[in-house]
């Protein structure tokens, strides 16, 4: 689990700090995956469940987090305000078994 730096409370609403927390959580989750699985985010805010295969994460000051990746093999970009950030980190079976498991690579 990522812990915010208590010495820097003024950054508590900083999207870069949120991004860093997400990255640390993803790294920890990825470290537990076997070679047959990759990380994915399950999004449940669209009236249905959607799986985003994450390839990168970014942010824009003052309050936006960007998730880049694929949904059903098609490029996708999820833009979320840090005040409503909500997703489930999960794993997905590799679509191309002959290739190494994709890691986000932070």
PDB file of N, CA and C in Angstrom:
ATOM      1  N   UNK A   1       0.844  -1.176   0.000  1.00  0.00           N
ATOM      2  CA  UNK A   1       0.000   0.000   0.000  1.00  0.00           C
ATOM      3  C   UNK A   1       0.888   1.237   0.000  1.00  0.00           C
ATOM      4  N   UNK A   2       0.532   2.213  -0.789  1.00  0.00           N
ATOM      5  CA  UNK A   2       1.262   3.470  -0.884  1.00  0.00           C
ATOM      6  C   UNK A   2       0.805   4.404   0.225  1.00  0.00           C
ATOM      7  N   UNK A   3       1.751   5.068   0.866  1.00  0.00           N
ATOM      8  CA  UNK A   3       1.428   6.031   1.915  1.00  0.00           C
ATOM      9  C   UNK A   3       1.830   7.422   1.468  1.00  0.00           C
ATOM     10  N   UNK A   4       0.910   8.369   1.582  1.00  0.00           N
ATOM     11  CA  UNK A   4       1.229   9.745   1.248  1.00  0.00           C
ATOM     12  C   UNK A   4       2.257  10.274   2.232  1.00  0.00           C
ATOM     13  N   UNK A   5       3.144  11.135   1.765  1.00  0.00           N
ATOM     14  CA  UNK A   5       4.177  11.740   2.603  1.00  0.00           C
ATOM     15  C   UNK A   5       3.529  12.713   3.573  1.00  0.00           C
ATOM     16  N   UNK A   6       3.504  12.352   4.859  1.00  0.00           N
ATOM     17  CA  UNK A   6       2.855  13.200   5.866  1.00  0.00           C
ATOM     18  C   UNK A   6       3.602  14.520   6.068  1.00  0.00           C
ATOM     19  N   UNK A   7       4.835  14.614   5.617  1.00  0.00           N
ATOM     20  CA  UNK A   7       5.588  15.865   5.726  1.00  0.00           C
ATOM     21  C   UNK A   7       5.195  16.863   4.649  1.00  0.00           C
ATOM     22  N   UNK A   8       4.362  16.448   3.735  1.00  0.00           N
ATOM     23  CA  UNK A   8       3.998  17.312   2.620  1.00  0.00           C
ATOM     24  C   UNK A   8       2.485  17.328   2.436  1.00  0.00           C
ATOM     25  N   UNK A   9       1.761  17.677   3.486  1.00  0.00           N
ATOM     26  CA  UNK A   9       0.307  17.658   3.483  1.00  0.00           C
ATOM     27  C   UNK A   9      -0.276  18.532   2.384  1.00  0.00           C
ATOM     28  N   UNK A  10       0.372  19.626   2.042  1.00  0.00           N
ATOM     29  CA  UNK A  10      -0.175  20.528   1.024  1.00  0.00           C
ATOM     30  C   UNK A  10      -0.329  19.844  -0.330  1.00  0.00           C
ATOM     31  N   UNK A  11       0.361  18.733  -0.548  1.00  0.00           N
ATOM     32  CA  UNK A  11       0.257  18.001  -1.806  1.00  0.00           C
ATOM     33  C   UNK A  11      -0.861  16.966  -1.793  1.00  0.00           C
ATOM     34  N   UNK A  12      -1.642  16.924  -0.731  1.00  0.00           N
ATOM     35  CA  UNK A  12      -2.651  15.876  -0.584  1.00  0.00           C
ATOM     36  C   UNK A  12      -3.644  15.845  -1.742  1.00  0.00           C
ATOM     37  N   UNK A  13      -3.896  16.964  -2.403  1.00  0.00           N
ATOM     38  CA  UNK A  13      -4.804  17.002  -3.549  1.00  0.00           C
ATOM     39  C   UNK A  13      -4.065  17.170  -4.859  1.00  0.00           C
ATOM     40  N   UNK A  14      -2.801  16.842  -4.878  1.00  0.00           N
ATOM     41  CA  UNK A  14      -1.945  16.970  -6.050  1.00  0.00           C
ATOM     42  C   UNK A  14      -2.101  15.720  -6.923  1.00  0.00           C
ATOM     43  N   UNK A  15      -2.481  15.876  -8.208  1.00  0.00           N
ATOM     44  CA  UNK A  15      -2.665  14.694  -9.056  1.00  0.00           C
ATOM     45  C   UNK A  15      -1.382  13.892  -9.236  1.00  0.00           C
ATOM     46  N   UNK A  16      -0.231  14.548  -9.175  1.00  0.00           N
ATOM     47  CA  UNK A  16       1.023  13.794  -9.280  1.00  0.00           C
ATOM     48  C   UNK A  16       1.176  12.850  -8.091  1.00  0.00           C
ATOM     49  N   UNK A  17       0.783  13.288  -6.918  1.00  0.00           N
ATOM     50  CA  UNK A  17       0.837  12.428  -5.730  1.00  0.00           C
ATOM     51  C   UNK A  17      -0.137  11.252  -5.882  1.00  0.00           C
ATOM     52  N   UNK A  18      -1.319  11.515  -6.418  1.00  0.00           N
ATOM     53  CA  UNK A  18      -2.273  10.439  -6.684  1.00  0.00           C
ATOM     54  C   UNK A  18      -1.695   9.474  -7.713  1.00  0.00           C
ATOM     55  N   UNK A  19      -1.115  10.017  -8.774  1.00  0.00           N
ATOM     56  CA  UNK A  19      -0.510   9.169  -9.806  1.00  0.00           C
ATOM     57  C   UNK A  19       0.575   8.291  -9.198  1.00  0.00           C
ATOM     58  N   UNK A  20       1.427   8.875  -8.353  1.00  0.00           N
ATOM     59  CA  UNK A  20       2.497   8.107  -7.710  1.00  0.00           C
ATOM     60  C   UNK A  20       1.924   6.999  -6.832  1.00  0.00           C
ATOM     61  N   UNK A  21       0.837   7.288  -6.125  1.00  0.00           N
ATOM     62  CA  UNK A  21       0.196   6.276  -5.282  1.00  0.00           C
ATOM     63  C   UNK A  21      -0.360   5.141  -6.141  1.00  0.00           C
ATOM     64  N   UNK A  22      -0.976   5.481  -7.258  1.00  0.00           N
ATOM     65  CA  UNK A  22      -1.526   4.472  -8.169  1.00  0.00           C
ATOM     66  C   UNK A  22      -0.398   3.627  -8.748  1.00  0.00           C
ATOM     67  N   UNK A  23       0.675   4.276  -9.174  1.00  0.00           N
ATOM     68  CA  UNK A  23       1.814   3.559  -9.743  1.00  0.00           C
ATOM     69  C   UNK A  23       2.396   2.580  -8.727  1.00  0.00           C
ATOM     70  N   UNK A  24       2.571   3.013  -7.502  1.00  0.00           N
ATOM     71  CA  UNK A  24       3.114   2.133  -6.466  1.00  0.00           C
ATOM     72  C   UNK A  24       2.186   0.944  -6.224  1.00  0.00           C
ATOM     73  N   UNK A  25       0.891   1.185  -6.183  1.00  0.00           N
ATOM     74  CA  UNK A  25      -0.070   0.096  -5.998  1.00  0.00           C
ATOM     75  C   UNK A  25      -0.007  -0.885  -7.167  1.00  0.00           C
ATOM     76  N   UNK A  26       0.106  -0.366  -8.386  1.00  0.00           N
ATOM     77  CA  UNK A  26       0.187  -1.220  -9.573  1.00  0.00           C
ATOM     78  C   UNK A  26       1.478  -2.032  -9.553  1.00  0.00           C
ATOM     79  N   UNK A  27       2.594  -1.407  -9.204  1.00  0.00           N
ATOM     80  CA  UNK A  27       3.870  -2.133  -9.112  1.00  0.00           C
ATOM     81  C   UNK A  27       3.763  -3.300  -8.138  1.00  0.00           C
ATOM     82  N   UNK A  28       3.183  -3.045  -6.977  1.00  0.00           N
ATOM     83  CA  UNK A  28       3.041  -4.096  -5.979  1.00  0.00           C
ATOM     84  C   UNK A  28       2.135  -5.211  -6.498  1.00  0.00           C
ATOM     85  N   UNK A  29       1.057  -4.855  -7.165  1.00  0.00           N
ATOM     86  CA  UNK A  29       0.135  -5.856  -7.711  1.00  0.00           C
ATOM     87  C   UNK A  29       0.835  -6.661  -8.809  1.00  0.00           C
ATOM     88  N   UNK A  30       1.537  -5.967  -9.710  1.00  0.00           N
ATOM     89  CA  UNK A  30       2.234  -6.648 -10.811  1.00  0.00           C
ATOM     90  C   UNK A  30       3.288  -7.620 -10.294  1.00  0.00           C
ATOM     91  N   UNK A  31       3.945  -7.283  -9.188  1.00  0.00           N
ATOM     92  CA  UNK A  31       4.998  -8.150  -8.658  1.00  0.00           C
ATOM     93  C   UNK A  31       4.451  -9.515  -8.231  1.00  0.00           C
ATOM     94  N   UNK A  32       3.144  -9.619  -8.045  1.00  0.00           N
ATOM     95  CA  UNK A  32       2.521 -10.879  -7.622  1.00  0.00           C
ATOM     96  C   UNK A  32       1.941 -11.671  -8.797  1.00  0.00           C
ATOM     97  N   UNK A  33       1.979 -11.101 -10.005  1.00  0.00           N
ATOM     98  CA  UNK A  33       1.400 -11.785 -11.170  1.00  0.00           C
ATOM     99  C   UNK A  33       2.361 -12.823 -11.738  1.00  0.00           C
ATOM    100  N   UNK A  34       1.806 -13.895 -12.261  1.00  0.00           N
ATOM    101  CA  UNK A  34       2.629 -14.878 -12.953  1.00  0.00           C
ATOM    102  C   UNK A  34       2.829 -14.444 -14.402  1.00  0.00           C
ATOM    103  N   UNK A  35       3.585 -15.225 -15.150  1.00  0.00           N
ATOM    104  CA  UNK A  35       3.920 -14.868 -16.535  1.00  0.00           C
ATOM    105  C   UNK A  35       2.731 -14.962 -17.481  1.00  0.00           C
ATOM    106  N   UNK A  36       1.626 -15.528 -17.049  1.00  0.00           N
ATOM    107  CA  UNK A  36       0.454 -15.694 -17.905  1.00  0.00           C
ATOM    108  C   UNK A  36      -0.566 -14.569 -17.765  1.00  0.00           C
ATOM    109  N   UNK A  37      -0.336 -13.633 -16.832  1.00  0.00           N
ATOM    110  CA  UNK A  37      -1.319 -12.580 -16.576  1.00  0.00           C
ATOM    111  C   UNK A  37      -0.696 -11.193 -16.666  1.00  0.00           C
ATOM    112  N   UNK A  38      -1.539 -10.242 -17.031  1.00  0.00           N
ATOM    113  CA  UNK A  38      -1.151  -8.837 -17.130  1.00  0.00           C
ATOM    114  C   UNK A  38      -2.120  -8.019 -16.283  1.00  0.00           C
ATOM    115  N   UNK A  39      -1.737  -6.802 -15.977  1.00  0.00           N
ATOM    116  CA  UNK A  39      -2.597  -5.955 -15.154  1.00  0.00           C
ATOM    117  C   UNK A  39      -3.701  -5.337 -15.997  1.00  0.00           C
ATOM    118  N   UNK A  40      -4.841  -5.159 -15.385  1.00  0.00           N
ATOM    119  CA  UNK A  40      -5.972  -4.504 -16.028  1.00  0.00           C
ATOM    120  C   UNK A  40      -6.748  -3.758 -14.957  1.00  0.00           C
ATOM    121  N   UNK A  41      -7.500  -2.778 -15.379  1.00  0.00           N
ATOM    122  CA  UNK A  41      -8.384  -2.054 -14.467  1.00  0.00           C
ATOM    123  C   UNK A  41      -9.813  -2.388 -14.834  1.00  0.00           C
ATOM    124  N   UNK A  42     -10.610  -2.697 -13.856  1.00  0.00           N
ATOM    125  CA  UNK A  42     -12.027  -2.947 -14.098  1.00  0.00           C
ATOM    126  C   UNK A  42     -12.771  -1.672 -13.727  1.00  0.00           C
ATOM    127  N   UNK A  43     -13.433  -1.102 -14.700  1.00  0.00           N
ATOM    128  CA  UNK A  43     -14.154   0.153 -14.527  1.00  0.00           C
ATOM    129  C   UNK A  43     -15.636  -0.161 -14.403  1.00  0.00           C
ATOM    130  N   UNK A  44     -16.273   0.382 -13.394  1.00  0.00           N
ATOM    131  CA  UNK A  44     -17.673   0.054 -13.166  1.00  0.00           C
ATOM    132  C   UNK A  44     -18.555   1.291 -13.123  1.00  0.00           C
ATOM    133  N   UNK A  45     -18.085   2.381 -13.674  1.00  0.00           N
ATOM    134  CA  UNK A  45     -18.857   3.623 -13.608  1.00  0.00           C
ATOM    135  C   UNK A  45     -19.607   3.930 -14.895  1.00  0.00           C
ATOM    136  N   UNK A  46     -19.663   3.003 -15.815  1.00  0.00           N
ATOM    137  CA  UNK A  46     -20.289   3.259 -17.097  1.00  0.00           C
ATOM    138  C   UNK A  46     -21.582   2.472 -17.269  1.00  0.00           C
ATOM    139  N   UNK A  47     -22.175   2.032 -16.172  1.00  0.00           N
ATOM    140  CA  UNK A  47     -23.405   1.263 -16.250  1.00  0.00           C
ATOM    141  C   UNK A  47     -23.163  -0.190 -16.603  1.00  0.00           C
ATOM    142  N   UNK A  48     -21.923  -0.526 -16.831  1.00  0.00           N
ATOM    143  CA  UNK A  48     -21.524  -1.900 -17.097  1.00  0.00           C
ATOM    144  C   UNK A  48     -20.079  -2.047 -16.654  1.00  0.00           C
ATOM    145  N   UNK A  49     -19.576  -3.242 -16.685  1.00  0.00           N
ATOM    146  CA  UNK A  49     -18.203  -3.482 -16.294  1.00  0.00           C
ATOM    147  C   UNK A  49     -17.324  -3.490 -17.544  1.00  0.00           C
ATOM    148  N   UNK A  50     -16.287  -2.673 -17.548  1.00  0.00           N
ATOM    149  CA  UNK A  50     -15.366  -2.554 -18.675  1.00  0.00           C
ATOM    150  C   UNK A  50     -13.957  -2.818 -18.163  1.00  0.00           C
ATOM    151  N   UNK A  51     -13.165  -3.592 -18.916  1.00  0.00           N
ATOM    152  CA  UNK A  51     -11.788  -3.862 -18.529  1.00  0.00           C
ATOM    153  C   UNK A  51     -10.859  -3.051 -19.430  1.00  0.00           C
ATOM    154  N   UNK A  52     -10.025  -2.226 -18.809  1.00  0.00           N
ATOM    155  CA  UNK A  52      -9.028  -1.415 -19.512  1.00  0.00           C
ATOM    156  C   UNK A  52      -7.660  -2.037 -19.268  1.00  0.00           C
ATOM    157  N   UNK A  53      -7.000  -2.498 -20.339  1.00  0.00           N
ATOM    158  CA  UNK A  53      -5.637  -3.001 -20.237  1.00  0.00           C
ATOM    159  C   UNK A  53      -4.710  -1.788 -20.242  1.00  0.00           C
ATOM    160  N   UNK A  54      -4.176  -1.431 -19.094  1.00  0.00           N
ATOM    161  CA  UNK A  54      -3.427  -0.185 -18.917  1.00  0.00           C
ATOM    162  C   UNK A  54      -2.033  -0.294 -19.516  1.00  0.00           C
ATOM    163  N   UNK A  55      -1.637   0.738 -20.278  1.00  0.00           N
ATOM    164  CA  UNK A  55      -0.281   0.811 -20.809  1.00  0.00           C
ATOM    165  C   UNK A  55       0.494   1.986 -20.226  1.00  0.00           C
ATOM    166  N   UNK A  56      -0.221   2.997 -19.721  1.00  0.00           N
ATOM    167  CA  UNK A  56       0.459   4.168 -19.148  1.00  0.00           C
ATOM    168  C   UNK A  56      -0.524   4.967 -18.307  1.00  0.00           C
ATOM    169  N   UNK A  57       0.027   5.795 -17.427  1.00  0.00           N
ATOM    170  CA  UNK A  57      -0.763   6.683 -16.576  1.00  0.00           C
ATOM    171  C   UNK A  57      -0.116   8.057 -16.613  1.00  0.00           C
ATOM    172  N   UNK A  58      -0.947   9.091 -16.682  1.00  0.00           N
ATOM    173  CA  UNK A  58      -0.441  10.457 -16.657  1.00  0.00           C
ATOM    174  C   UNK A  58      -1.333  11.330 -15.790  1.00  0.00           C
ATOM    175  N   UNK A  59      -0.984  12.595 -15.696  1.00  0.00           N
ATOM    176  CA  UNK A  59      -1.783  13.539 -14.919  1.00  0.00           C
ATOM    177  C   UNK A  59      -1.688  14.915 -15.535  1.00  0.00           C
ATOM    178  N   UNK A  60      -2.647  15.753 -15.199  1.00  0.00           N
ATOM    179  CA  UNK A  60      -2.632  17.152 -15.597  1.00  0.00           C
ATOM    180  C   UNK A  60      -3.066  17.968 -14.392  1.00  0.00           C
ATOM    181  N   UNK A  61      -2.255  18.921 -14.042  1.00  0.00           N
ATOM    182  CA  UNK A  61      -2.548  19.810 -12.925  1.00  0.00           C
ATOM    183  C   UNK A  61      -3.794  20.602 -13.232  1.00  0.00           C
ATOM    184  N   UNK A  62      -4.735  20.831 -12.371  1.00  0.00           N
ATOM    185  CA  UNK A  62      -4.634  20.569 -10.936  1.00  0.00           C
ATOM    186  C   UNK A  62      -5.299  19.288 -10.472  1.00  0.00           C
ATOM    187  N   UNK A  63      -6.120  18.592 -11.297  1.00  0.00           N
ATOM    188  CA  UNK A  63      -6.885  17.503 -10.691  1.00  0.00           C
ATOM    189  C   UNK A  63      -7.273  16.360 -11.623  1.00  0.00           C
ATOM    190  N   UNK A  64      -6.540  16.139 -12.697  1.00  0.00           N
ATOM    191  CA  UNK A  64      -6.916  15.103 -13.654  1.00  0.00           C
ATOM    192  C   UNK A  64      -5.873  13.980 -13.689  1.00  0.00           C
ATOM    193  N   UNK A  65      -6.356  12.740 -13.723  1.00  0.00           N
ATOM    194  CA  UNK A  65      -5.523  11.560 -13.896  1.00  0.00           C
ATOM    195  C   UNK A  65      -5.947  10.902 -15.211  1.00  0.00           C
ATOM    196  N   UNK A  66      -4.965  10.491 -16.016  1.00  0.00           N
ATOM    197  CA  UNK A  66      -5.225   9.869 -17.318  1.00  0.00           C
ATOM    198  C   UNK A  66      -4.736   8.422 -17.292  1.00  0.00           C
ATOM    199  N   UNK A  67      -5.578   7.498 -17.751  1.00  0.00           N
ATOM    200  CA  UNK A  67      -5.211   6.101 -17.916  1.00  0.00           C
ATOM    201  C   UNK A  67      -5.268   5.801 -19.405  1.00  0.00           C
ATOM    202  N   UNK A  68      -4.159   5.333 -19.969  1.00  0.00           N
ATOM    203  CA  UNK A  68      -4.073   5.004 -21.382  1.00  0.00           C
ATOM    204  C   UNK A  68      -3.979   3.491 -21.518  1.00  0.00           C
ATOM    205  N   UNK A  69      -4.613   2.925 -22.532  1.00  0.00           N
ATOM    206  CA  UNK A  69      -4.530   1.491 -22.725  1.00  0.00           C
ATOM    207  C   UNK A  69      -5.451   1.008 -23.817  1.00  0.00           C
ATOM    208  N   UNK A  70      -5.954  -0.221 -23.627  1.00  0.00           N
ATOM    209  CA  UNK A  70      -6.774  -0.878 -24.637  1.00  0.00           C
ATOM    210  C   UNK A  70      -8.050  -1.423 -23.995  1.00  0.00           C
ATOM    211  N   UNK A  71      -9.156  -1.302 -24.710  1.00  0.00           N
ATOM    212  CA  UNK A  71     -10.407  -1.966 -24.350  1.00  0.00           C
ATOM    213  C   UNK A  71     -10.794  -2.796 -25.559  1.00  0.00           C
ATOM    214  N   UNK A  72     -10.850  -4.116 -25.363  1.00  0.00           N
ATOM    215  CA  UNK A  72     -11.137  -5.045 -26.463  1.00  0.00           C
ATOM    216  C   UNK A  72     -10.204  -4.821 -27.649  1.00  0.00           C
ATOM    217  N   UNK A  73      -8.926  -4.554 -27.362  1.00  0.00           N
ATOM    218  CA  UNK A  73      -7.923  -4.380 -28.405  1.00  0.00           C
ATOM    219  C   UNK A  73      -7.896  -3.013 -29.057  1.00  0.00           C
ATOM    220  N   UNK A  74      -8.803  -2.127 -28.680  1.00  0.00           N
ATOM    221  CA  UNK A  74      -8.878  -0.789 -29.269  1.00  0.00           C
ATOM    222  C   UNK A  74      -8.278   0.244 -28.318  1.00  0.00           C
ATOM    223  N   UNK A  75      -7.541   1.248 -28.844  1.00  0.00           N
ATOM    224  CA  UNK A  75      -6.963   2.278 -27.985  1.00  0.00           C
ATOM    225  C   UNK A  75      -8.048   2.983 -27.167  1.00  0.00           C
ATOM    226  N   UNK A  76      -7.720   3.242 -25.913  1.00  0.00           N
ATOM    227  CA  UNK A  76      -8.671   3.908 -25.023  1.00  0.00           C
ATOM    228  C   UNK A  76      -7.917   4.826 -24.075  1.00  0.00           C
ATOM    229  N   UNK A  77      -8.590   5.876 -23.657  1.00  0.00           N
ATOM    230  CA  UNK A  77      -8.035   6.826 -22.701  1.00  0.00           C
ATOM    231  C   UNK A  77      -9.135   7.177 -21.710  1.00  0.00           C
ATOM    232  N   UNK A  78      -8.872   6.910 -20.447  1.00  0.00           N
ATOM    233  CA  UNK A  78      -9.817   7.254 -19.398  1.00  0.00           C
ATOM    234  C   UNK A  78      -9.297   8.495 -18.689  1.00  0.00           C
ATOM    235  N   UNK A  79     -10.126   9.507 -18.602  1.00  0.00           N
ATOM    236  CA  UNK A  79      -9.775  10.756 -17.922  1.00  0.00           C
ATOM    237  C   UNK A  79     -10.651  10.848 -16.688  1.00  0.00           C
ATOM    238  N   UNK A  80     -10.018  10.971 -15.521  1.00  0.00           N
ATOM    239  CA  UNK A  80     -10.783  11.035 -14.286  1.00  0.00           C
ATOM    240  C   UNK A  80     -10.314  12.186 -13.411  1.00  0.00           C
ATOM    241  N   UNK A  81     -11.275  12.826 -12.773  1.00  0.00           N
ATOM    242  CA  UNK A  81     -10.982  13.830 -11.767  1.00  0.00           C
ATOM    243  C   UNK A  81     -10.554  13.095 -10.505  1.00  0.00           C
ATOM    244  N   UNK A  82      -9.542  13.596  -9.797  1.00  0.00           N
ATOM    245  CA  UNK A  82      -9.053  12.902  -8.610  1.00  0.00           C
ATOM    246  C   UNK A  82     -10.110  12.810  -7.519  1.00  0.00           C
ATOM    247  N   UNK A  83     -11.146  13.646  -7.588  1.00  0.00           N
ATOM    248  CA  UNK A  83     -12.202  13.604  -6.577  1.00  0.00           C
ATOM    249  C   UNK A  83     -13.164  12.439  -6.777  1.00  0.00           C
ATOM    250  N   UNK A  84     -13.163  11.816  -7.950  1.00  0.00           N
ATOM    251  CA  UNK A  84     -14.066  10.696  -8.218  1.00  0.00           C
ATOM    252  C   UNK A  84     -13.297   9.457  -8.686  1.00  0.00           C
ATOM    253  N   UNK A  85     -12.044   9.372  -8.359  1.00  0.00           N
ATOM    254  CA  UNK A  85     -11.191   8.268  -8.784  1.00  0.00           C
ATOM    255  C   UNK A  85     -11.634   6.976  -8.103  1.00  0.00           C
ATOM    256  N   UNK A  86     -11.988   5.976  -8.927  1.00  0.00           N
ATOM    257  CA  UNK A  86     -12.511   4.739  -8.393  1.00  0.00           C
ATOM    258  C   UNK A  86     -12.347   3.646  -9.441  1.00  0.00           C
ATOM    259  N   UNK A  87     -11.533   2.622  -9.153  1.00  0.00           N
ATOM    260  CA  UNK A  87     -11.361   1.495 -10.056  1.00  0.00           C
ATOM    261  C   UNK A  87     -10.845   0.294  -9.277  1.00  0.00           C
ATOM    262  N   UNK A  88     -10.907  -0.859  -9.889  1.00  0.00           N
ATOM    263  CA  UNK A  88     -10.438  -2.092  -9.297  1.00  0.00           C
ATOM    264  C   UNK A  88      -9.235  -2.577 -10.084  1.00  0.00           C
ATOM    265  N   UNK A  89      -8.090  -2.778  -9.408  1.00  0.00           N
ATOM    266  CA  UNK A  89      -6.917  -3.368 -10.057  1.00  0.00           C
ATOM    267  C   UNK A  89      -7.143  -4.869 -10.089  1.00  0.00           C
ATOM    268  N   UNK A  90      -7.002  -5.455 -11.282  1.00  0.00           N
ATOM    269  CA  UNK A  90      -7.214  -6.892 -11.448  1.00  0.00           C
ATOM    270  C   UNK A  90      -6.211  -7.425 -12.464  1.00  0.00           C
ATOM    271  N   UNK A  91      -6.287  -8.690 -12.766  1.00  0.00           N
ATOM    272  CA  UNK A  91      -5.403  -9.269 -13.782  1.00  0.00           C
ATOM    273  C   UNK A  91      -6.242  -9.812 -14.923  1.00  0.00           C
ATOM    274  N   UNK A  92      -5.599  -9.950 -16.053  1.00  0.00           N
ATOM    275  CA  UNK A  92      -6.258 -10.491 -17.236  1.00  0.00           C
ATOM    276  C   UNK A  92      -5.314 -11.490 -17.896  1.00  0.00           C
ATOM    277  N   UNK A  93      -5.864 -12.559 -18.387  1.00  0.00           N
ATOM    278  CA  UNK A  93      -5.075 -13.563 -19.101  1.00  0.00           C
ATOM    279  C   UNK A  93      -4.484 -12.923 -20.356  1.00  0.00           C
ATOM    280  N   UNK A  94      -3.203 -13.215 -20.637  1.00  0.00           N
ATOM    281  CA  UNK A  94      -2.563 -12.667 -21.829  1.00  0.00           C
ATOM    282  C   UNK A  94      -3.317 -13.075 -23.081  1.00  0.00           C
ATOM    283  N   UNK A  95      -3.446 -12.153 -24.006  1.00  0.00           N
ATOM    284  CA  UNK A  95      -4.113 -12.439 -25.274  1.00  0.00           C
ATOM    285  C   UNK A  95      -3.171 -13.110 -26.268  1.00  0.00           C
ATOM    286  N   UNK A  96      -1.855 -12.892 -26.085  1.00  0.00           N
ATOM    287  CA  UNK A  96      -0.847 -13.479 -26.966  1.00  0.00           C
ATOM    288  C   UNK A  96       0.103 -14.323 -26.113  1.00  0.00           C
ATOM    289  N   UNK A  97      -0.225 -15.603 -25.901  1.00  0.00           N
ATOM    290  CA  UNK A  97       0.547 -16.455 -24.990  1.00  0.00           C
ATOM    291  C   UNK A  97       2.020 -16.591 -25.352  1.00  0.00           C
ATOM    292  N   UNK A  98       2.348 -16.437 -26.621  1.00  0.00           N
ATOM    293  CA  UNK A  98       3.740 -16.602 -27.047  1.00  0.00           C
ATOM    294  C   UNK A  98       4.622 -15.409 -26.681  1.00  0.00           C
ATOM    295  N   UNK A  99       4.026 -14.273 -26.359  1.00  0.00           N
ATOM    296  CA  UNK A  99       4.782 -13.060 -25.999  1.00  0.00           C
ATOM    297  C   UNK A  99       4.901 -12.949 -24.486  1.00  0.00           C
ATOM    298  N   UNK A 100       5.954 -12.271 -24.011  1.00  0.00           N
ATOM    299  CA  UNK A 100       6.078 -12.058 -22.568  1.00  0.00           C
ATOM    300  C   UNK A 100       4.905 -11.237 -22.034  1.00  0.00           C
ATOM    301  N   UNK A 101       4.574 -11.420 -20.775  1.00  0.00           N
ATOM    302  CA  UNK A 101       3.502 -10.647 -20.161  1.00  0.00           C
ATOM    303  C   UNK A 101       3.869  -9.162 -20.219  1.00  0.00           C
ATOM    304  N   UNK A 102       2.886  -8.342 -20.597  1.00  0.00           N
ATOM    305  CA  UNK A 102       3.096  -6.892 -20.669  1.00  0.00           C
ATOM    306  C   UNK A 102       3.061  -6.325 -19.251  1.00  0.00           C
ATOM    307  N   UNK A 103       4.046  -5.520 -18.929  1.00  0.00           N
ATOM    308  CA  UNK A 103       4.078  -4.799 -17.666  1.00  0.00           C
ATOM    309  C   UNK A 103       4.066  -3.313 -18.000  1.00  0.00           C
ATOM    310  N   UNK A 104       3.461  -2.537 -17.141  1.00  0.00           N
ATOM    311  CA  UNK A 104       3.360  -1.102 -17.433  1.00  0.00           C
ATOM    312  C   UNK A 104       4.735  -0.463 -17.443  1.00  0.00           C
ATOM    313  N   UNK A 105       5.632  -0.883 -16.574  1.00  0.00           N
ATOM    314  CA  UNK A 105       7.026  -0.469 -16.643  1.00  0.00           C
ATOM    315  C   UNK A 105       7.372   0.874 -16.031  1.00  0.00           C
ATOM    316  N   UNK A 106       6.880   1.113 -14.847  1.00  0.00           N
ATOM    317  CA  UNK A 106       7.214   2.368 -14.168  1.00  0.00           C
ATOM    318  C   UNK A 106       8.606   2.300 -13.601  1.00  0.00           C
TER     319      UNK A 106
END
